[in-house]
């Protein structure tokens, strides 16, 4: 559905480069876990965007997130050990890592949460943005003065 909506919008827009932000799995550029992800549609043989898609994943290190529905603050940590070690060495709250051509210690960690244990993180993304120590958002106050 994301791809179909994109095609409708794209047909009305001038030619150019487009930016979108979706969840981790939506940017996979190949079919995985019996799912055809948005990035896979964009990178398919039928798409005018084949081989023109750049996937960036956001990973979180010691962060917080606001829970859905109850708005409770919950811990959020999605960073793998090799990236966490590098992040800790750099010492910044926001780091970007290029995976293509990167040392294998960065580009080779396995992604297990989708059942593709034989693939590495570089098979899914070209860059990682690692966010550290970010606090949760707060719900909007619905009282306006």
Protein backbone atom coordinates (compact mmCIF):
# COMPACT_ATOMS: atom_id res chain seq x y z
CA UNK A 1 0.00 0.00 0.00
CA UNK A 2 2.88 2.39 0.74
CA UNK A 3 4.26 1.76 -2.74
CA UNK A 4 0.88 2.23 -4.43
CA UNK A 5 0.37 5.52 -2.57
CA UNK A 6 3.87 6.63 -3.53
CA UNK A 7 3.23 5.84 -7.21
CA UNK A 8 0.05 7.94 -7.15
CA UNK A 9 1.84 10.88 -5.55
CA UNK A 10 4.97 10.52 -7.67
CA UNK A 11 2.97 10.69 -10.89
CA UNK A 12 1.82 14.19 -9.86
CA UNK A 13 5.27 15.47 -8.84
CA UNK A 14 8.06 16.83 -11.04
CA UNK A 15 10.99 14.48 -11.71
CA UNK A 16 13.58 14.60 -8.97
CA UNK A 17 14.94 13.00 -5.85
CA UNK A 18 12.59 12.08 -3.03
CA UNK A 19 13.09 11.57 0.69
CA UNK A 20 10.84 9.53 2.93
CA UNK A 21 11.11 8.16 6.43
CA UNK A 22 9.72 4.72 7.21
CA UNK A 23 10.45 2.02 9.76
CA UNK A 24 13.50 -0.25 9.66
CA UNK A 25 11.92 -3.07 7.69
CA UNK A 26 10.09 -0.90 5.13
CA UNK A 27 13.41 0.19 3.58
CA UNK A 28 14.66 -3.35 2.87
CA UNK A 29 15.51 -3.39 -0.83
CA UNK A 30 14.68 -7.04 -1.38
CA UNK A 31 11.86 -9.39 -0.44
CA UNK A 32 12.50 -10.69 3.07
CA UNK A 33 10.52 -12.89 5.44
CA UNK A 34 7.91 -13.52 2.73
CA UNK A 35 7.21 -9.79 2.64
CA UNK A 36 7.68 -7.41 -0.25
CA UNK A 37 8.85 -4.26 1.55
CA UNK A 38 8.51 -0.69 0.26
CA UNK A 39 12.22 -0.48 -0.58
CA UNK A 40 11.95 -3.79 -2.45
CA UNK A 41 9.17 -2.40 -4.64
CA UNK A 42 11.24 0.73 -5.32
CA UNK A 43 14.25 -1.41 -6.24
CA UNK A 44 12.34 -3.95 -8.35
CA UNK A 45 12.92 -4.46 -12.08
CA UNK A 46 9.59 -2.74 -12.87
CA UNK A 47 10.46 0.43 -10.96
CA UNK A 48 12.06 3.54 -12.46
CA UNK A 49 13.99 3.82 -9.17
CA UNK A 50 15.83 0.50 -9.50
CA UNK A 51 19.42 0.85 -8.22
CA UNK A 52 18.69 4.44 -7.11
CA UNK A 53 17.42 3.74 -3.60
CA UNK A 54 19.47 4.65 -0.53
CA UNK A 55 18.40 3.03 2.75
CA UNK A 56 19.40 4.52 6.09
CA UNK A 57 18.43 2.91 9.39
CA UNK A 58 18.10 4.74 12.69
CA UNK A 59 19.42 2.80 15.67
CA UNK A 60 18.98 3.84 19.28
CA UNK A 61 21.47 3.47 22.12
CA UNK A 62 20.19 3.99 25.67
CA UNK A 63 17.22 6.06 24.48
CA UNK A 64 13.61 6.41 25.55
CA UNK A 65 10.34 6.28 23.62
CA UNK A 66 6.80 7.27 24.47
CA UNK A 67 4.51 4.24 24.55
CA UNK A 68 1.52 4.00 22.25
CA UNK A 69 -1.83 4.50 23.92
CA UNK A 70 -0.68 4.84 27.52
CA UNK A 71 2.09 7.40 26.80
CA UNK A 72 4.43 5.81 29.34
CA UNK A 73 8.13 6.30 28.84
CA UNK A 74 9.89 3.08 27.84
CA UNK A 75 13.55 2.26 27.23
CA UNK A 76 14.59 2.01 23.58
CA UNK A 77 17.80 0.31 22.52
CA UNK A 78 18.20 -1.24 19.06
CA UNK A 79 21.94 -0.89 18.53
CA UNK A 80 24.10 -4.00 18.06
CA UNK A 81 27.31 -4.59 20.01
CA UNK A 82 29.88 -3.66 17.31
CA UNK A 83 28.13 -0.37 16.61
CA UNK A 84 27.64 0.36 20.31
CA UNK A 85 31.37 -0.13 20.91
CA UNK A 86 32.24 2.33 18.13
CA UNK A 87 29.62 4.77 19.34
CA UNK A 88 31.04 4.66 22.87
CA UNK A 89 34.56 5.27 21.53
CA UNK A 90 33.44 8.28 19.50
CA UNK A 91 31.48 9.67 22.44
CA UNK A 92 28.90 11.63 20.41
CA UNK A 93 25.11 11.50 20.77
CA UNK A 94 24.62 11.29 17.01
CA UNK A 95 26.82 9.32 14.62
CA UNK A 96 26.44 8.26 11.01
CA UNK A 97 28.18 5.16 9.66
CA UNK A 98 28.69 4.29 6.00
CA UNK A 99 28.30 0.53 5.50
CA UNK A 100 29.25 0.12 1.85
CA UNK A 101 33.00 -0.43 1.79
CA UNK A 102 33.16 -0.25 5.58
CA UNK A 103 35.34 -2.57 7.67
CA UNK A 104 33.65 -5.94 8.18
CA UNK A 105 33.32 -5.32 11.93
CA UNK A 106 30.75 -2.64 11.08
CA UNK A 107 29.08 -4.02 7.96
CA UNK A 108 28.90 -7.71 8.87
CA UNK A 109 26.75 -7.98 12.03
CA UNK A 110 23.81 -10.27 11.37
CA UNK A 111 20.19 -9.13 11.41
CA UNK A 112 18.15 -11.73 13.26
CA UNK A 113 14.83 -10.03 13.89
CA UNK A 114 13.44 -10.81 10.43
CA UNK A 115 14.68 -14.36 10.11
CA UNK A 116 17.48 -13.59 7.64
CA UNK A 117 20.35 -14.86 9.79
CA UNK A 118 22.54 -15.51 6.75
CA UNK A 119 22.49 -11.83 5.74
CA UNK A 120 24.43 -8.92 7.19
CA UNK A 121 23.34 -5.41 8.07
CA UNK A 122 25.04 -4.12 4.88
CA UNK A 123 22.65 -6.30 2.84
CA UNK A 124 19.77 -4.12 4.06
CA UNK A 125 21.11 -0.60 4.57
CA UNK A 126 23.82 1.62 3.13
CA UNK A 127 24.09 3.87 6.21
CA UNK A 128 23.33 3.72 9.93
CA UNK A 129 22.45 6.76 12.02
CA UNK A 130 22.98 5.98 15.69
CA UNK A 131 21.20 8.16 18.23
CA UNK A 132 22.39 7.97 21.84
CA UNK A 133 20.77 9.04 25.13
CA UNK A 134 17.70 10.62 23.51
CA UNK A 135 14.72 11.27 25.79
CA UNK A 136 11.14 10.34 24.96
CA UNK A 137 8.73 12.78 23.41
CA UNK A 138 5.81 13.98 25.49
CA UNK A 139 2.14 13.87 24.51
CA UNK A 140 0.66 17.11 23.22
CA UNK A 141 -1.42 19.06 25.68
CA UNK A 142 -4.88 19.30 24.20
CA UNK A 143 -5.69 22.44 26.19
CA UNK A 144 -5.04 25.58 24.18
CA UNK A 145 -4.84 29.02 25.76
